[in-house]
Each structure stands twice: as C-alpha cells, then as structure tokens.
Amino acid sequence: MTFQHPDLAKLIFGRLTWESIPYHEPILVITFIGVAIAGIAVLGLVTYFKLWGYLWREWFTSVDH
C-alpha cells in the first residue's frame, strides 16, 4: 500500500481556483478591504491598550463568557 502525497492546495480547496474568486465585483473587493482594515485596527487597538492578558484570561480560556 503506497500513500500518494496530493497537492496541498488541491487537498484544501478542491476544485476552487483563483478564477472562481470574483475580483471583478467592486462591492466584494471594497468589503474585503474594509474588513481587513477593521481587523488590523482591532488587533492594533488590543495591542495598544494591552488587553491580550485580559482577553486570554477572561474570554479565550474561560468557559463562562
């Protein structure tokens, strides 16, 4: 019995290709950019206000959110 190593991208995404992503739709591109900027801003604010310890103790590892 031999194990063949499939391409990792094909294993994860299956038949989904880069052509399947709708880059030609401006509303989707603008929304993605907005979400990425907001996510980076939230990470920056959490780091600036040093809330990682609080989030770790009170949210990520807690059973009672």
N, C-alpha and C. Protein backbone atom coordinates (compact mmCIF):
# COMPACT_ATOMS: atom_id res chain seq x y z
N MET A 1 0.85 -1.18 0.00
CA MET A 1 0.00 0.00 0.00
C MET A 1 0.89 1.23 0.00
N THR A 2 0.75 2.07 -0.98
CA THR A 2 1.55 3.29 -1.05
C THR A 2 0.65 4.50 -0.84
N PHE A 3 1.19 5.47 -0.17
CA PHE A 3 0.45 6.71 0.09
C PHE A 3 0.97 7.78 -0.85
N GLN A 4 0.10 8.32 -1.65
CA GLN A 4 0.50 9.39 -2.56
C GLN A 4 0.23 10.72 -1.89
N HIS A 5 1.18 11.66 -2.02
CA HIS A 5 1.04 12.98 -1.42
C HIS A 5 0.33 13.91 -2.41
N PRO A 6 -0.94 14.22 -2.15
CA PRO A 6 -1.64 15.13 -3.06
C PRO A 6 -1.16 16.56 -2.85
N ASP A 7 -1.38 17.36 -3.85
CA ASP A 7 -1.03 18.77 -3.75
C ASP A 7 -1.84 19.39 -2.60
N LEU A 8 -1.18 20.10 -1.72
CA LEU A 8 -1.83 20.64 -0.52
C LEU A 8 -2.96 21.60 -0.88
N ALA A 9 -2.75 22.47 -1.86
CA ALA A 9 -3.80 23.41 -2.26
C ALA A 9 -5.01 22.66 -2.79
N LYS A 10 -4.79 21.62 -3.55
CA LYS A 10 -5.91 20.84 -4.08
C LYS A 10 -6.62 20.10 -2.95
N LEU A 11 -5.88 19.67 -1.96
CA LEU A 11 -6.47 18.99 -0.82
C LEU A 11 -7.36 19.93 -0.03
N ILE A 12 -6.91 21.17 0.15
CA ILE A 12 -7.67 22.13 0.94
C ILE A 12 -8.83 22.72 0.15
N PHE A 13 -8.58 23.16 -1.07
CA PHE A 13 -9.58 23.90 -1.83
C PHE A 13 -10.36 23.07 -2.84
N GLY A 14 -9.96 21.86 -3.10
CA GLY A 14 -10.66 21.04 -4.07
C GLY A 14 -10.57 21.63 -5.46
N ARG A 15 -11.71 21.85 -6.08
CA ARG A 15 -11.73 22.40 -7.43
C ARG A 15 -11.77 23.92 -7.46
N LEU A 16 -11.80 24.56 -6.33
CA LEU A 16 -11.83 26.03 -6.28
C LEU A 16 -10.51 26.57 -6.82
N THR A 17 -10.62 27.44 -7.79
CA THR A 17 -9.43 28.04 -8.41
C THR A 17 -9.45 29.54 -8.19
N TRP A 18 -8.35 30.21 -8.54
CA TRP A 18 -8.28 31.66 -8.42
C TRP A 18 -9.30 32.34 -9.33
N GLU A 19 -9.64 31.69 -10.43
CA GLU A 19 -10.63 32.26 -11.34
C GLU A 19 -12.04 32.26 -10.74
N SER A 20 -12.26 31.44 -9.71
CA SER A 20 -13.57 31.37 -9.07
C SER A 20 -13.83 32.55 -8.14
N ILE A 21 -12.80 33.24 -7.72
CA ILE A 21 -12.95 34.37 -6.81
C ILE A 21 -13.35 35.60 -7.62
N PRO A 22 -14.47 36.25 -7.27
CA PRO A 22 -14.99 37.35 -8.10
C PRO A 22 -14.27 38.68 -7.87
N TYR A 23 -13.05 38.79 -8.40
CA TYR A 23 -12.30 40.04 -8.27
C TYR A 23 -12.92 41.17 -9.09
N HIS A 24 -13.76 40.84 -10.04
CA HIS A 24 -14.36 41.85 -10.90
C HIS A 24 -15.57 42.53 -10.27
N GLU A 25 -16.00 42.08 -9.09
CA GLU A 25 -17.13 42.69 -8.39
C GLU A 25 -16.60 43.73 -7.39
N PRO A 26 -16.76 45.02 -7.68
CA PRO A 26 -16.18 46.05 -6.82
C PRO A 26 -16.71 46.05 -5.38
N ILE A 27 -17.99 45.72 -5.18
CA ILE A 27 -18.53 45.74 -3.83
C ILE A 27 -17.88 44.67 -2.96
N LEU A 28 -17.58 43.52 -3.55
CA LEU A 28 -16.91 42.47 -2.78
C LEU A 28 -15.47 42.83 -2.45
N VAL A 29 -14.79 43.44 -3.40
CA VAL A 29 -13.39 43.84 -3.17
C VAL A 29 -13.33 44.93 -2.11
N ILE A 30 -14.22 45.92 -2.19
CA ILE A 30 -14.24 47.01 -1.21
C ILE A 30 -14.60 46.48 0.17
N THR A 31 -15.56 45.56 0.23
CA THR A 31 -15.94 44.96 1.51
C THR A 31 -14.79 44.19 2.13
N PHE A 32 -14.09 43.40 1.33
CA PHE A 32 -12.95 42.64 1.84
C PHE A 32 -11.86 43.58 2.37
N ILE A 33 -11.58 44.64 1.63
CA ILE A 33 -10.56 45.60 2.07
C ILE A 33 -10.99 46.26 3.37
N GLY A 34 -12.28 46.63 3.47
CA GLY A 34 -12.79 47.24 4.71
C GLY A 34 -12.69 46.30 5.90
N VAL A 35 -13.03 45.04 5.70
CA VAL A 35 -12.96 44.06 6.79
C VAL A 35 -11.50 43.83 7.20
N ALA A 36 -10.61 43.77 6.23
CA ALA A 36 -9.19 43.57 6.55
C ALA A 36 -8.64 44.77 7.34
N ILE A 37 -8.99 45.98 6.92
CA ILE A 37 -8.52 47.18 7.63
C ILE A 37 -9.10 47.22 9.04
N ALA A 38 -10.39 46.90 9.19
CA ALA A 38 -11.01 46.89 10.52
C ALA A 38 -10.37 45.84 11.42
N GLY A 39 -10.07 44.67 10.86
CA GLY A 39 -9.42 43.63 11.66
C GLY A 39 -8.04 44.03 12.12
N ILE A 40 -7.28 44.66 11.25
CA ILE A 40 -5.95 45.14 11.62
C ILE A 40 -6.06 46.23 12.68
N ALA A 41 -7.07 47.11 12.55
CA ALA A 41 -7.28 48.18 13.53
C ALA A 41 -7.63 47.60 14.90
N VAL A 42 -8.48 46.58 14.93
CA VAL A 42 -8.85 45.95 16.21
C VAL A 42 -7.63 45.30 16.85
N LEU A 43 -6.84 44.59 16.07
CA LEU A 43 -5.62 43.98 16.62
C LEU A 43 -4.66 45.04 17.14
N GLY A 44 -4.55 46.15 16.41
CA GLY A 44 -3.69 47.25 16.85
C GLY A 44 -4.18 47.87 18.15
N LEU A 45 -5.50 48.08 18.26
CA LEU A 45 -6.05 48.67 19.49
C LEU A 45 -5.91 47.74 20.69
N VAL A 46 -6.13 46.45 20.47
CA VAL A 46 -5.97 45.49 21.57
C VAL A 46 -4.52 45.47 22.03
N THR A 47 -3.59 45.57 21.11
CA THR A 47 -2.18 45.61 21.47
C THR A 47 -1.82 46.93 22.15
N TYR A 48 -2.32 48.04 21.63
CA TYR A 48 -2.01 49.36 22.19
C TYR A 48 -2.51 49.48 23.63
N PHE A 49 -3.72 48.99 23.88
CA PHE A 49 -4.28 49.08 25.22
C PHE A 49 -3.92 47.88 26.10
N LYS A 50 -3.06 47.01 25.60
CA LYS A 50 -2.54 45.86 26.34
C LYS A 50 -3.66 45.00 26.94
N LEU A 51 -4.57 44.58 26.08
CA LEU A 51 -5.71 43.79 26.52
C LEU A 51 -5.57 42.30 26.24
N TRP A 52 -4.40 41.88 25.76
CA TRP A 52 -4.23 40.47 25.44
C TRP A 52 -4.34 39.58 26.67
N GLY A 53 -3.78 40.01 27.80
CA GLY A 53 -3.86 39.22 29.02
C GLY A 53 -5.29 39.07 29.49
N TYR A 54 -6.04 40.16 29.47
CA TYR A 54 -7.45 40.12 29.87
C TYR A 54 -8.24 39.19 28.94
N LEU A 55 -8.03 39.35 27.64
CA LEU A 55 -8.75 38.51 26.70
C LEU A 55 -8.40 37.03 26.89
N TRP A 56 -7.15 36.74 27.16
CA TRP A 56 -6.74 35.36 27.36
C TRP A 56 -7.39 34.78 28.61
N ARG A 57 -7.34 35.51 29.72
CA ARG A 57 -7.87 35.01 30.98
C ARG A 57 -9.40 34.99 31.01
N GLU A 58 -10.02 36.05 30.54
CA GLU A 58 -11.46 36.21 30.72
C GLU A 58 -12.31 35.79 29.53
N TRP A 59 -11.70 35.57 28.39
CA TRP A 59 -12.52 35.23 27.24
C TRP A 59 -12.06 33.95 26.55
N PHE A 60 -10.82 33.89 26.10
CA PHE A 60 -10.36 32.75 25.31
C PHE A 60 -10.34 31.45 26.11
N THR A 61 -9.91 31.49 27.36
CA THR A 61 -9.77 30.26 28.14
C THR A 61 -10.87 30.09 29.17
N SER A 62 -11.89 30.93 29.13
CA SER A 62 -12.98 30.84 30.10
C SER A 62 -14.12 29.99 29.53
N VAL A 63 -14.83 29.32 30.43
CA VAL A 63 -15.99 28.57 30.00
C VAL A 63 -17.24 29.44 30.10
N ASP A 64 -17.17 30.48 30.92
CA ASP A 64 -18.30 31.36 31.15
C ASP A 64 -18.01 32.72 30.53
N HIS A 65 -18.34 32.88 29.26
CA HIS A 65 -18.08 34.14 28.57
C HIS A 65 -19.05 35.20 29.03
